[in-house]
PDB file of all heavy atoms in Angstrom:
ATOM      1  N   ALA A   1     107.638 123.655 143.676  1.00  0.00           N
ATOM      2  CA  ALA A   1     106.887 122.357 143.644  1.00  0.00           C
ATOM      3  C   ALA A   1     107.714 121.143 143.212  1.00  0.00           C
ATOM      4  O   ALA A   1     107.818 120.162 143.905  1.00  0.00           O
ATOM      5  CB  ALA A   1     105.604 122.505 142.745  1.00  0.00           C
ATOM      6  N   PRO A   2     108.366 121.152 142.015  1.00  0.00           N
ATOM      7  CA  PRO A   2     109.188 120.030 141.696  1.00  0.00           C
ATOM      8  C   PRO A   2     110.332 119.809 142.605  1.00  0.00           C
ATOM      9  O   PRO A   2     110.790 118.702 142.841  1.00  0.00           O
ATOM     10  CB  PRO A   2     109.671 120.275 140.231  1.00  0.00           C
ATOM     11  CG  PRO A   2     109.540 121.727 140.077  1.00  0.00           C
ATOM     12  CD  PRO A   2     108.380 122.133 140.971  1.00  0.00           C
ATOM     13  N   GLY A   3     110.865 120.933 143.151  1.00  0.00           N
ATOM     14  CA  GLY A   3     112.013 120.815 144.055  1.00  0.00           C
ATOM     15  C   GLY A   3     111.651 120.113 145.370  1.00  0.00           C
ATOM     16  O   GLY A   3     112.505 119.468 145.942  1.00  0.00           O
ATOM     17  N   PHE A   4     110.419 120.362 145.825  1.00  0.00           N
ATOM     18  CA  PHE A   4     109.910 119.790 147.012  1.00  0.00           C
ATOM     19  C   PHE A   4     109.929 118.267 147.008  1.00  0.00           C
ATOM     20  O   PHE A   4     110.378 117.648 147.851  1.00  0.00           O
ATOM     21  CB  PHE A   4     108.523 120.283 147.243  1.00  0.00           C
ATOM     22  CG  PHE A   4     107.792 119.874 148.518  1.00  0.00           C
ATOM     23  CD1 PHE A   4     107.870 120.508 149.789  1.00  0.00           C
ATOM     24  CD2 PHE A   4     107.130 118.590 148.590  1.00  0.00           C
ATOM     25  CE1 PHE A   4     107.328 120.134 150.833  1.00  0.00           C
ATOM     26  CE2 PHE A   4     106.354 118.227 149.601  1.00  0.00           C
ATOM     27  CZ  PHE A   4     106.530 118.980 150.805  1.00  0.00           C
ATOM     28  N   VAL A   5     109.441 117.784 145.780  1.00  0.00           N
ATOM     29  CA  VAL A   5     109.330 116.370 145.595  1.00  0.00           C
ATOM     30  C   VAL A   5     110.697 115.722 145.570  1.00  0.00           C
ATOM     31  O   VAL A   5     111.018 114.679 146.233  1.00  0.00           O
ATOM     32  CB  VAL A   5     108.551 115.990 144.294  1.00  0.00           C
ATOM     33  CG1 VAL A   5     108.566 114.506 144.092  1.00  0.00           C
ATOM     34  CG2 VAL A   5     107.108 116.593 144.456  1.00  0.00           C
ATOM     35  N   LEU A   6     111.632 116.461 144.875  1.00  0.00           N
ATOM     36  CA  LEU A   6     113.062 115.868 144.840  1.00  0.00           C
ATOM     37  C   LEU A   6     113.699 115.958 146.122  1.00  0.00           C
ATOM     38  O   LEU A   6     114.455 114.974 146.485  1.00  0.00           O
ATOM     39  CB  LEU A   6     113.761 116.727 143.758  1.00  0.00           C
ATOM     40  CG  LEU A   6     115.342 116.413 143.539  1.00  0.00           C
ATOM     41  CD1 LEU A   6     115.408 114.909 143.208  1.00  0.00           C
ATOM     42  CD2 LEU A   6     115.830 117.226 142.516  1.00  0.00           C
ATOM     43  N   ASP A   7     113.585 117.051 146.806  1.00  0.00           N
ATOM     44  CA  ASP A   7     114.099 117.141 148.167  1.00  0.00           C
ATOM     45  C   ASP A   7     113.766 115.921 148.978  1.00  0.00           C
ATOM     46  O   ASP A   7     114.561 115.339 149.694  1.00  0.00           O
ATOM     47  CB  ASP A   7     113.739 118.425 148.843  1.00  0.00           C
ATOM     48  CG  ASP A   7     114.554 118.765 150.086  1.00  0.00           C
ATOM     49  OD1 ASP A   7     114.338 118.253 151.141  1.00  0.00           O
ATOM     50  OD2 ASP A   7     115.443 119.610 149.917  1.00  0.00           O
ATOM     51  N   ALA A   8     112.454 115.611 149.079  1.00  0.00           N
ATOM     52  CA  ALA A   8     111.960 114.490 149.929  1.00  0.00           C
ATOM     53  C   ALA A   8     112.483 113.156 149.393  1.00  0.00           C
ATOM     54  O   ALA A   8     112.783 112.300 150.137  1.00  0.00           O
ATOM     55  CB  ALA A   8     110.420 114.470 149.851  1.00  0.00           C
ATOM     56  N   ALA A   9     112.685 112.985 148.013  1.00  0.00           N
ATOM     57  CA  ALA A   9     113.203 111.772 147.494  1.00  0.00           C
ATOM     58  C   ALA A   9     114.631 111.589 147.937  1.00  0.00           C
ATOM     59  O   ALA A   9     115.075 110.395 148.280  1.00  0.00           O
ATOM     60  CB  ALA A   9     113.148 111.852 145.972  1.00  0.00           C
ATOM     61  N   VAL A  10     115.464 112.589 147.921  1.00  0.00           N
ATOM     62  CA  VAL A  10     116.805 112.476 148.445  1.00  0.00           C
ATOM     63  C   VAL A  10     116.922 112.081 149.918  1.00  0.00           C
ATOM     64  O   VAL A  10     117.711 111.283 150.285  1.00  0.00           O
ATOM     65  CB  VAL A  10     117.586 113.711 148.133  1.00  0.00           C
ATOM     66  CG1 VAL A  10     119.060 113.671 148.682  1.00  0.00           C
ATOM     67  CG2 VAL A  10     117.718 114.004 146.650  1.00  0.00           C
ATOM     68  N   VAL A  11     116.070 112.738 150.739  1.00  0.00           N
ATOM     69  CA  VAL A  11     116.002 112.418 152.153  1.00  0.00           C
ATOM     70  C   VAL A  11     115.735 110.998 152.335  1.00  0.00           C
ATOM     71  O   VAL A  11     116.344 110.307 153.147  1.00  0.00           O
ATOM     72  CB  VAL A  11     115.027 113.320 152.898  1.00  0.00           C
ATOM     73  CG1 VAL A  11     114.798 112.819 154.267  1.00  0.00           C
ATOM     74  CG2 VAL A  11     115.588 114.757 152.964  1.00  0.00           C
ATOM     75  N   ARG A  12     114.734 110.430 151.588  1.00  0.00           N
ATOM     76  CA  ARG A  12     114.372 109.030 151.731  1.00  0.00           C
ATOM     77  C   ARG A  12     115.584 108.152 151.298  1.00  0.00           C
ATOM     78  O   ARG A  12     115.790 107.100 151.995  1.00  0.00           O
ATOM     79  CB  ARG A  12     113.046 108.665 150.887  1.00  0.00           C
ATOM     80  CG  ARG A  12     111.855 109.221 151.469  1.00  0.00           C
ATOM     81  CD  ARG A  12     110.592 108.538 150.815  1.00  0.00           C
ATOM     82  NE  ARG A  12     110.562 108.807 149.442  1.00  0.00           N
ATOM     83  CZ  ARG A  12     110.001 109.749 148.830  1.00  0.00           C
ATOM     84  NH1 ARG A  12     109.460 110.777 149.471  1.00  0.00           N
ATOM     85  NH2 ARG A  12     109.884 109.981 147.504  1.00  0.00           N
ATOM     86  N   HIS A  13     116.240 108.591 150.282  1.00  0.00           N
ATOM     87  CA  HIS A  13     117.318 107.725 149.890  1.00  0.00           C
ATOM     88  C   HIS A  13     118.452 107.764 150.855  1.00  0.00           C
ATOM     89  O   HIS A  13     119.045 106.688 151.060  1.00  0.00           O
ATOM     90  CB  HIS A  13     117.817 108.258 148.488  1.00  0.00           C
ATOM     91  CG  HIS A  13     118.673 107.242 147.706  1.00  0.00           C
ATOM     92  ND1 HIS A  13     118.100 106.075 147.350  1.00  0.00           N
ATOM     93  CD2 HIS A  13     119.860 107.294 147.245  1.00  0.00           C
ATOM     94  CE1 HIS A  13     119.053 105.302 146.631  1.00  0.00           C
ATOM     95  NE2 HIS A  13     120.165 106.007 146.651  1.00  0.00           N
ATOM     96  N   LEU A  14     118.784 108.894 151.456  1.00  0.00           N
ATOM     97  CA  LEU A  14     119.831 108.837 152.440  1.00  0.00           C
ATOM     98  C   LEU A  14     119.455 108.021 153.715  1.00  0.00           C
ATOM     99  O   LEU A  14     120.328 107.329 154.278  1.00  0.00           O
ATOM    100  CB  LEU A  14     120.000 110.366 152.910  1.00  0.00           C
ATOM    101  CG  LEU A  14     120.735 111.213 151.864  1.00  0.00           C
ATOM    102  CD1 LEU A  14     120.787 112.710 152.344  1.00  0.00           C
ATOM    103  CD2 LEU A  14     122.139 110.751 151.511  1.00  0.00           C
ATOM    104  N   LEU A  15     118.133 107.978 154.038  1.00  0.00           N
ATOM    105  CA  LEU A  15     117.727 107.117 155.143  1.00  0.00           C
ATOM    106  C   LEU A  15     117.978 105.700 154.782  1.00  0.00           C
ATOM    107  O   LEU A  15     118.102 104.850 155.659  1.00  0.00           O
ATOM    108  CB  LEU A  15     116.263 107.456 155.502  1.00  0.00           C
ATOM    109  CG  LEU A  15     115.919 108.720 156.208  1.00  0.00           C
ATOM    110  CD1 LEU A  15     114.423 108.925 156.267  1.00  0.00           C
ATOM    111  CD2 LEU A  15     116.448 108.618 157.625  1.00  0.00           C
ATOM    112  N   ALA A  16     117.900 105.270 153.547  1.00  0.00           N
ATOM    113  CA  ALA A  16     118.093 103.925 153.108  1.00  0.00           C
ATOM    114  C   ALA A  16     119.548 103.551 152.867  1.00  0.00           C
ATOM    115  O   ALA A  16     119.800 102.452 152.610  1.00  0.00           O
ATOM    116  CB  ALA A  16     117.297 103.706 151.817  1.00  0.00           C
ATOM    117  N   ASP A  17     120.472 104.478 153.052  1.00  0.00           N
ATOM    118  CA  ASP A  17     121.965 104.123 152.934  1.00  0.00           C
ATOM    119  C   ASP A  17     122.253 103.151 154.066  1.00  0.00           C
ATOM    120  O   ASP A  17     121.989 103.371 155.234  1.00  0.00           O
ATOM    121  CB  ASP A  17     122.758 105.416 153.192  1.00  0.00           C
ATOM    122  CG  ASP A  17     124.251 105.299 152.999  1.00  0.00           C
ATOM    123  OD1 ASP A  17     124.672 104.127 152.952  1.00  0.00           O
ATOM    124  OD2 ASP A  17     124.871 106.254 152.928  1.00  0.00           O
ATOM    125  N   PRO A  18     122.903 102.023 153.737  1.00  0.00           N
ATOM    126  CA  PRO A  18     123.171 101.000 154.692  1.00  0.00           C
ATOM    127  C   PRO A  18     124.278 101.443 155.748  1.00  0.00           C
ATOM    128  O   PRO A  18     124.509 100.762 156.738  1.00  0.00           O
ATOM    129  CB  PRO A  18     123.617  99.719 153.962  1.00  0.00           C
ATOM    130  CG  PRO A  18     124.083 100.346 152.652  1.00  0.00           C
ATOM    131  CD  PRO A  18     123.142 101.524 152.335  1.00  0.00           C
ATOM    132  N   LEU A  19     125.021 102.561 155.425  1.00  0.00           N
ATOM    133  CA  LEU A  19     126.006 103.105 156.225  1.00  0.00           C
ATOM    134  C   LEU A  19     127.082 102.065 156.583  1.00  0.00           C
ATOM    135  O   LEU A  19     127.462 101.814 157.720  1.00  0.00           O
ATOM    136  CB  LEU A  19     125.472 103.593 157.557  1.00  0.00           C
ATOM    137  CG  LEU A  19     124.341 104.695 157.358  1.00  0.00           C
ATOM    138  CD1 LEU A  19     123.689 105.107 158.744  1.00  0.00           C
ATOM    139  CD2 LEU A  19     124.878 105.898 156.631  1.00  0.00           C
ATOM    140  N   LEU A  20     127.561 101.420 155.632  1.00  0.00           N
ATOM    141  CA  LEU A  20     128.698 100.433 155.810  1.00  0.00           C
ATOM    142  C   LEU A  20     130.034 101.061 155.924  1.00  0.00           C
ATOM    143  O   LEU A  20     130.307 102.187 155.407  1.00  0.00           O
ATOM    144  CB  LEU A  20     128.624  99.471 154.491  1.00  0.00           C
ATOM    145  CG  LEU A  20     127.329  98.698 154.377  1.00  0.00           C
ATOM    146  CD1 LEU A  20     127.508  97.761 153.116  1.00  0.00           C
ATOM    147  CD2 LEU A  20     127.021  97.808 155.581  1.00  0.00           C
ATOM    148  N   PRO A  21     130.976 100.295 156.481  1.00  0.00           N
ATOM    149  CA  PRO A  21     132.415 100.832 156.528  1.00  0.00           C
ATOM    150  C   PRO A  21     132.880 100.904 155.031  1.00  0.00           C
ATOM    151  O   PRO A  21     132.571 100.164 154.144  1.00  0.00           O
ATOM    152  CB  PRO A  21     133.100  99.706 157.270  1.00  0.00           C
ATOM    153  CG  PRO A  21     132.114  98.925 157.955  1.00  0.00           C
ATOM    154  CD  PRO A  21     130.819  98.999 157.145  1.00  0.00           C
ATOM    155  N   GLY A  22     133.842 101.879 154.911  1.00  0.00           N
ATOM    156  CA  GLY A  22     134.364 102.119 153.559  1.00  0.00           C
ATOM    157  C   GLY A  22     134.954 100.830 152.956  1.00  0.00           C
ATOM    158  O   GLY A  22     134.873 100.627 151.738  1.00  0.00           O
ATOM    159  N   ALA A  23     135.495  99.957 153.807  1.00  0.00           N
ATOM    160  CA  ALA A  23     136.215  98.775 153.367  1.00  0.00           C
ATOM    161  C   ALA A  23     135.257  97.789 152.611  1.00  0.00           C
ATOM    162  O   ALA A  23     135.698  96.907 151.903  1.00  0.00           O
ATOM    163  CB  ALA A  23     136.963  98.102 154.475  1.00  0.00           C
ATOM    164  N   LEU A  24     134.008  97.963 152.948  1.00  0.00           N
ATOM    165  CA  LEU A  24     132.968  96.977 152.327  1.00  0.00           C
ATOM    166  C   LEU A  24     132.206  97.542 151.224  1.00  0.00           C
ATOM    167  O   LEU A  24     131.292  96.931 150.610  1.00  0.00           O
ATOM    168  CB  LEU A  24     131.978  96.539 153.432  1.00  0.00           C
ATOM    169  CG  LEU A  24     132.562  95.907 154.655  1.00  0.00           C
ATOM    170  CD1 LEU A  24     131.473  95.463 155.646  1.00  0.00           C
ATOM    171  CD2 LEU A  24     133.428  94.686 154.245  1.00  0.00           C
ATOM    172  N   LEU A  25     132.470  98.867 150.869  1.00  0.00           N
ATOM    173  CA  LEU A  25     131.712  99.520 149.860  1.00  0.00           C
ATOM    174  C   LEU A  25     132.349  99.300 148.439  1.00  0.00           C
ATOM    175  O   LEU A  25     133.581  99.214 148.372  1.00  0.00           O
ATOM    176  CB  LEU A  25     131.568 101.026 150.103  1.00  0.00           C
ATOM    177  CG  LEU A  25     130.705 101.351 151.414  1.00  0.00           C
ATOM    178  CD1 LEU A  25     130.939 102.764 151.659  1.00  0.00           C
ATOM    179  CD2 LEU A  25     129.280 101.048 151.128  1.00  0.00           C
ATOM    180  N   PRO A  26     131.511  99.366 147.329  1.00  0.00           N
ATOM    181  CA  PRO A  26     132.149  99.292 145.971  1.00  0.00           C
ATOM    182  C   PRO A  26     132.972 100.535 145.724  1.00  0.00           C
ATOM    183  O   PRO A  26     132.864 101.621 146.362  1.00  0.00           O
ATOM    184  CB  PRO A  26     130.878  99.286 145.087  1.00  0.00           C
ATOM    185  CG  PRO A  26     129.755  98.876 145.963  1.00  0.00           C
ATOM    186  CD  PRO A  26     130.052  99.362 147.393  1.00  0.00           C
ATOM    187  N   ALA A  27     133.852 100.444 144.733  1.00  0.00           N
ATOM    188  CA  ALA A  27     134.698 101.609 144.383  1.00  0.00           C
ATOM    189  C   ALA A  27     133.723 102.742 143.950  1.00  0.00           C
ATOM    190  O   ALA A  27     132.696 102.541 143.373  1.00  0.00           O
ATOM    191  CB  ALA A  27     135.611 101.195 143.275  1.00  0.00           C
ATOM    192  N   ARG A  28     134.158 103.970 144.087  1.00  0.00           N
ATOM    193  CA  ARG A  28     133.444 105.207 143.721  1.00  0.00           C
ATOM    194  C   ARG A  28     132.018 105.231 144.357  1.00  0.00           C
ATOM    195  O   ARG A  28     131.058 105.530 143.746  1.00  0.00           O
ATOM    196  CB  ARG A  28     133.424 105.294 142.230  1.00  0.00           C
ATOM    197  CG  ARG A  28     134.801 105.345 141.503  1.00  0.00           C
ATOM    198  CD  ARG A  28     134.693 105.529 140.082  1.00  0.00           C
ATOM    199  NE  ARG A  28     133.986 106.720 139.656  1.00  0.00           N
ATOM    200  CZ  ARG A  28     134.550 107.929 139.611  1.00  0.00           C
ATOM    201  NH1 ARG A  28     135.912 108.024 139.956  1.00  0.00           N
ATOM    202  NH2 ARG A  28     133.894 108.986 139.296  1.00  0.00           N
ATOM    203  N   TRP A  29     131.956 104.840 145.547  1.00  0.00           N
ATOM    204  CA  TRP A  29     130.660 104.926 146.320  1.00  0.00           C
ATOM    205  C   TRP A  29     130.196 106.344 146.389  1.00  0.00           C
ATOM    206  O   TRP A  29     130.892 107.220 146.812  1.00  0.00           O
ATOM    207  CB  TRP A  29     130.774 104.317 147.663  1.00  0.00           C
ATOM    208  CG  TRP A  29     129.546 104.373 148.457  1.00  0.00           C
ATOM    209  CD1 TRP A  29     129.339 105.084 149.641  1.00  0.00           C
ATOM    210  CD2 TRP A  29     128.345 103.529 148.334  1.00  0.00           C
ATOM    211  NE1 TRP A  29     128.051 104.839 150.151  1.00  0.00           N
ATOM    212  CE2 TRP A  29     127.465 103.853 149.418  1.00  0.00           C
ATOM    213  CE3 TRP A  29     128.041 102.490 147.403  1.00  0.00           C
ATOM    214  CZ2 TRP A  29     126.214 103.264 149.485  1.00  0.00           C
ATOM    215  CZ3 TRP A  29     126.808 101.925 147.594  1.00  0.00           C
ATOM    216  CH2 TRP A  29     125.915 102.301 148.591  1.00  0.00           C
ATOM    217  N   PRO A  30     128.937 106.622 146.005  1.00  0.00           N
ATOM    218  CA  PRO A  30     128.525 108.016 145.874  1.00  0.00           C
ATOM    219  C   PRO A  30     127.859 108.615 147.138  1.00  0.00           C
ATOM    220  O   PRO A  30     127.315 109.766 147.101  1.00  0.00           O
ATOM    221  CB  PRO A  30     127.543 108.011 144.744  1.00  0.00           C
ATOM    222  CG  PRO A  30     126.886 106.608 144.856  1.00  0.00           C
ATOM    223  CD  PRO A  30     127.930 105.753 145.332  1.00  0.00           C
ATOM    224  N   GLY A  31     127.956 107.948 148.226  1.00  0.00           N
ATOM    225  CA  GLY A  31     127.209 108.417 149.419  1.00  0.00           C
ATOM    226  C   GLY A  31     127.741 109.851 149.900  1.00  0.00           C
ATOM    227  O   GLY A  31     126.884 110.788 150.126  1.00  0.00           O
ATOM    228  N   GLY A  32     129.031 109.997 149.922  1.00  0.00           N
ATOM    229  CA  GLY A  32     129.531 111.347 150.311  1.00  0.00           C
ATOM    230  C   GLY A  32     129.223 112.394 149.348  1.00  0.00           C
ATOM    231  O   GLY A  32     128.833 113.567 149.680  1.00  0.00           O
ATOM    232  N   ASP A  33     129.299 112.143 148.038  1.00  0.00           N
ATOM    233  CA  ASP A  33     128.952 113.089 146.962  1.00  0.00           C
ATOM    234  C   ASP A  33     127.496 113.449 147.035  1.00  0.00           C
ATOM    235  O   ASP A  33     127.135 114.669 146.792  1.00  0.00           O
ATOM    236  CB  ASP A  33     129.311 112.552 145.594  1.00  0.00           C
ATOM    237  CG  ASP A  33     130.830 112.448 145.373  1.00  0.00           C
ATOM    238  OD1 ASP A  33     131.573 113.135 146.023  1.00  0.00           O
ATOM    239  OD2 ASP A  33     131.238 111.630 144.579  1.00  0.00           O
ATOM    240  N   LEU A  34     126.672 112.482 147.241  1.00  0.00           N
ATOM    241  CA  LEU A  34     125.231 112.721 147.407  1.00  0.00           C
ATOM    242  C   LEU A  34     124.948 113.697 148.542  1.00  0.00           C
ATOM    243  O   LEU A  34     124.160 114.626 148.413  1.00  0.00           O
ATOM    244  CB  LEU A  34     124.356 111.503 147.439  1.00  0.00           C
ATOM    245  CG  LEU A  34     122.914 111.651 147.591  1.00  0.00           C
ATOM    246  CD1 LEU A  34     122.300 112.186 146.373  1.00  0.00           C
ATOM    247  CD2 LEU A  34     122.195 110.259 147.911  1.00  0.00           C
ATOM    248  N   ARG A  35     125.552 113.455 149.630  1.00  0.00           N
ATOM    249  CA  ARG A  35     125.333 114.357 150.785  1.00  0.00           C
ATOM    250  C   ARG A  35     125.815 115.767 150.540  1.00  0.00           C
ATOM    251  O   ARG A  35     125.187 116.724 150.915  1.00  0.00           O
ATOM    252  CB  ARG A  35     125.951 113.687 152.074  1.00  0.00           C
ATOM    253  CG  ARG A  35     125.201 112.448 152.584  1.00  0.00           C
ATOM    254  CD  ARG A  35     125.859 111.840 153.726  1.00  0.00           C
ATOM    255  NE  ARG A  35     125.018 110.821 154.414  1.00  0.00           N
ATOM    256  CZ  ARG A  35     124.967 109.549 153.850  1.00  0.00           C
ATOM    257  NH1 ARG A  35     125.727 109.143 152.886  1.00  0.00           N
ATOM    258  NH2 ARG A  35     124.080 108.714 154.450  1.00  0.00           N
ATOM    259  N   HIS A  36     127.026 115.819 149.926  1.00  0.00           N
ATOM    260  CA  HIS A  36     127.552 117.132 149.565  1.00  0.00           C
ATOM    261  C   HIS A  36     126.648 117.873 148.638  1.00  0.00           C
ATOM    262  O   HIS A  36     126.405 119.100 148.881  1.00  0.00           O
ATOM    263  CB  HIS A  36     128.969 116.973 148.947  1.00  0.00           C
ATOM    264  CG  HIS A  36     129.687 118.151 148.552  1.00  0.00           C
ATOM    265  ND1 HIS A  36     129.397 118.792 147.317  1.00  0.00           N
ATOM    266  CD2 HIS A  36     130.434 119.020 149.183  1.00  0.00           C
ATOM    267  CE1 HIS A  36     130.120 119.876 147.217  1.00  0.00           C
ATOM    268  NE2 HIS A  36     130.794 120.120 148.316  1.00  0.00           N
ATOM    269  N   ASP A  37     126.251 117.251 147.602  1.00  0.00           N
ATOM    270  CA  ASP A  37     125.421 117.919 146.614  1.00  0.00           C
ATOM    271  C   ASP A  37     124.007 118.366 147.276  1.00  0.00           C
ATOM    272  O   ASP A  37     123.457 119.401 147.028  1.00  0.00           O
ATOM    273  CB  ASP A  37     125.088 117.009 145.439  1.00  0.00           C
ATOM    274  CG  ASP A  37     126.280 116.766 144.537  1.00  0.00           C
ATOM    275  OD1 ASP A  37     127.330 117.495 144.866  1.00  0.00           O
ATOM    276  OD2 ASP A  37     126.198 115.887 143.644  1.00  0.00           O
ATOM    277  N   PHE A  38     123.478 117.496 148.112  1.00  0.00           N
ATOM    278  CA  PHE A  38     122.243 117.801 148.818  1.00  0.00           C
ATOM    279  C   PHE A  38     122.329 118.963 149.721  1.00  0.00           C
ATOM    280  O   PHE A  38     121.325 119.714 149.837  1.00  0.00           O
ATOM    281  CB  PHE A  38     121.745 116.514 149.535  1.00  0.00           C
ATOM    282  CG  PHE A  38     120.343 116.746 150.108  1.00  0.00           C
ATOM    283  CD1 PHE A  38     119.288 117.031 149.347  1.00  0.00           C
ATOM    284  CD2 PHE A  38     120.151 116.590 151.518  1.00  0.00           C
ATOM    285  CE1 PHE A  38     117.972 117.212 149.882  1.00  0.00           C
ATOM    286  CE2 PHE A  38     118.878 116.812 152.097  1.00  0.00           C
ATOM    287  CZ  PHE A  38     117.765 117.102 151.183  1.00  0.00           C
ATOM    288  N   GLU A  39     123.477 119.108 150.380  1.00  0.00           N
ATOM    289  CA  GLU A  39     123.593 120.327 151.265  1.00  0.00           C
ATOM    290  C   GLU A  39     123.381 121.558 150.459  1.00  0.00           C
ATOM    291  O   GLU A  39     122.748 122.542 150.908  1.00  0.00           O
ATOM    292  CB  GLU A  39     125.022 120.270 151.927  1.00  0.00           C
ATOM    293  CG  GLU A  39     125.045 119.202 152.986  1.00  0.00           C
ATOM    294  CD  GLU A  39     124.085 119.299 154.162  1.00  0.00           C
ATOM    295  OE1 GLU A  39     123.739 120.419 154.573  1.00  0.00           O
ATOM    296  OE2 GLU A  39     123.612 118.291 154.609  1.00  0.00           O
ATOM    297  N   ARG A  40     124.022 121.663 149.279  1.00  0.00           N
ATOM    298  CA  ARG A  40     123.959 122.773 148.460  1.00  0.00           C
ATOM    299  C   ARG A  40     122.530 122.982 147.858  1.00  0.00           C
ATOM    300  O   ARG A  40     121.925 124.086 147.956  1.00  0.00           O
ATOM    301  CB  ARG A  40     124.887 122.763 147.255  1.00  0.00           C
ATOM    302  CG  ARG A  40     124.866 123.960 146.383  1.00  0.00           C
ATOM    303  CD  ARG A  40     125.901 123.835 145.221  1.00  0.00           C
ATOM    304  NE  ARG A  40     125.710 124.884 144.241  1.00  0.00           N
ATOM    305  CZ  ARG A  40     126.435 124.981 143.185  1.00  0.00           C
ATOM    306  NH1 ARG A  40     127.397 124.095 142.865  1.00  0.00           N
ATOM    307  NH2 ARG A  40     126.218 125.976 142.259  1.00  0.00           N
ATOM    308  N   TYR A  41     121.972 121.852 147.449  1.00  0.00           N
ATOM    309  CA  TYR A  41     120.553 121.941 146.896  1.00  0.00           C
ATOM    310  C   TYR A  41     119.638 122.357 147.927  1.00  0.00           C
ATOM    311  O   TYR A  41     118.735 123.158 147.677  1.00  0.00           O
ATOM    312  CB  TYR A  41     120.200 120.557 146.301  1.00  0.00           C
ATOM    313  CG  TYR A  41     118.837 120.408 145.816  1.00  0.00           C
ATOM    314  CD1 TYR A  41     118.466 120.805 144.518  1.00  0.00           C
ATOM    315  CD2 TYR A  41     117.844 119.926 146.676  1.00  0.00           C
ATOM    316  CE1 TYR A  41     117.187 120.741 144.081  1.00  0.00           C
ATOM    317  CE2 TYR A  41     116.443 119.910 146.178  1.00  0.00           C
ATOM    318  CZ  TYR A  41     116.217 120.196 144.870  1.00  0.00           C
ATOM    319  OH  TYR A  41     114.887 120.169 144.506  1.00  0.00           O
ATOM    320  N   ASP A  42     119.676 121.642 149.123  1.00  0.00           N
ATOM    321  CA  ASP A  42     118.729 121.964 150.103  1.00  0.00           C
ATOM    322  C   ASP A  42     118.787 123.336 150.624  1.00  0.00           C
ATOM    323  O   ASP A  42     117.818 124.045 151.026  1.00  0.00           O
ATOM    324  CB  ASP A  42     118.945 120.925 151.313  1.00  0.00           C
ATOM    325  CG  ASP A  42     117.809 121.001 152.348  1.00  0.00           C
ATOM    326  OD1 ASP A  42     116.617 120.837 151.884  1.00  0.00           O
ATOM    327  OD2 ASP A  42     118.139 121.149 153.566  1.00  0.00           O
ATOM    328  N   ARG A  43     119.990 123.891 150.760  1.00  0.00           N
ATOM    329  CA  ARG A  43     120.207 125.299 151.172  1.00  0.00           C
ATOM    330  C   ARG A  43     119.564 126.165 150.112  1.00  0.00           C
ATOM    331  O   ARG A  43     118.858 127.164 150.553  1.00  0.00           O
ATOM    332  CB  ARG A  43     121.707 125.533 151.271  1.00  0.00           C
ATOM    333  CG  ARG A  43     122.031 126.977 151.787  1.00  0.00           C
ATOM    334  CD  ARG A  43     123.471 127.056 152.199  1.00  0.00           C
ATOM    335  NE  ARG A  43     124.358 126.757 151.100  1.00  0.00           N
ATOM    336  CZ  ARG A  43     125.065 125.612 151.235  1.00  0.00           C
ATOM    337  NH1 ARG A  43     125.071 124.776 152.175  1.00  0.00           N
ATOM    338  NH2 ARG A  43     125.935 125.366 150.201  1.00  0.00           N
ATOM    339  N   ALA A  44     119.697 126.002 148.813  1.00  0.00           N
ATOM    340  CA  ALA A  44     119.173 126.793 147.758  1.00  0.00           C
ATOM    341  C   ALA A  44     117.652 126.764 147.836  1.00  0.00           C
ATOM    342  O   ALA A  44     116.898 127.728 147.720  1.00  0.00           O
ATOM    343  CB  ALA A  44     119.686 126.387 146.457  1.00  0.00           C
ATOM    344  N   TYR A  45     117.127 125.516 148.044  1.00  0.00           N
ATOM    345  CA  TYR A  45     115.628 125.334 148.008  1.00  0.00           C
ATOM    346  C   TYR A  45     115.003 126.021 149.170  1.00  0.00           C
ATOM    347  O   TYR A  45     114.055 126.789 149.111  1.00  0.00           O
ATOM    348  CB  TYR A  45     115.343 123.833 148.178  1.00  0.00           C
ATOM    349  CG  TYR A  45     113.797 123.575 148.085  1.00  0.00           C
ATOM    350  CD1 TYR A  45     113.151 123.482 146.973  1.00  0.00           C
ATOM    351  CD2 TYR A  45     113.141 123.454 149.313  1.00  0.00           C
ATOM    352  CE1 TYR A  45     111.825 123.350 146.871  1.00  0.00           C
ATOM    353  CE2 TYR A  45     111.829 123.316 149.280  1.00  0.00           C
ATOM    354  CZ  TYR A  45     111.088 123.258 148.031  1.00  0.00           C
ATOM    355  OH  TYR A  45     109.777 123.062 147.992  1.00  0.00           O
ATOM    356  N   LYS A  46     115.685 125.916 150.346  1.00  0.00           N
ATOM    357  CA  LYS A  46     115.077 126.593 151.544  1.00  0.00           C
ATOM    358  C   LYS A  46     115.155 128.106 151.511  1.00  0.00           C
ATOM    359  O   LYS A  46     114.368 128.824 152.043  1.00  0.00           O
ATOM    360  CB  LYS A  46     115.761 125.988 152.788  1.00  0.00           C
ATOM    361  CG  LYS A  46     115.221 124.588 153.109  1.00  0.00           C
ATOM    362  CD  LYS A  46     115.836 123.914 154.338  1.00  0.00           C
ATOM    363  CE  LYS A  46     115.358 122.613 154.549  1.00  0.00           C
ATOM    364  NZ  LYS A  46     116.034 121.906 155.521  1.00  0.00           N
TER     365      LYS A  46
END
């Protein structure tokens, strides 16, 4: 139950990623890390 809500929250956040070129992003942009962590989390949840 709590994992379901969190899973949906991450999906919404990924949809809101502006998908900018790396040259325009702040240092240590977490987009790639969030996607990597979510793949593991989503696999475990499913």
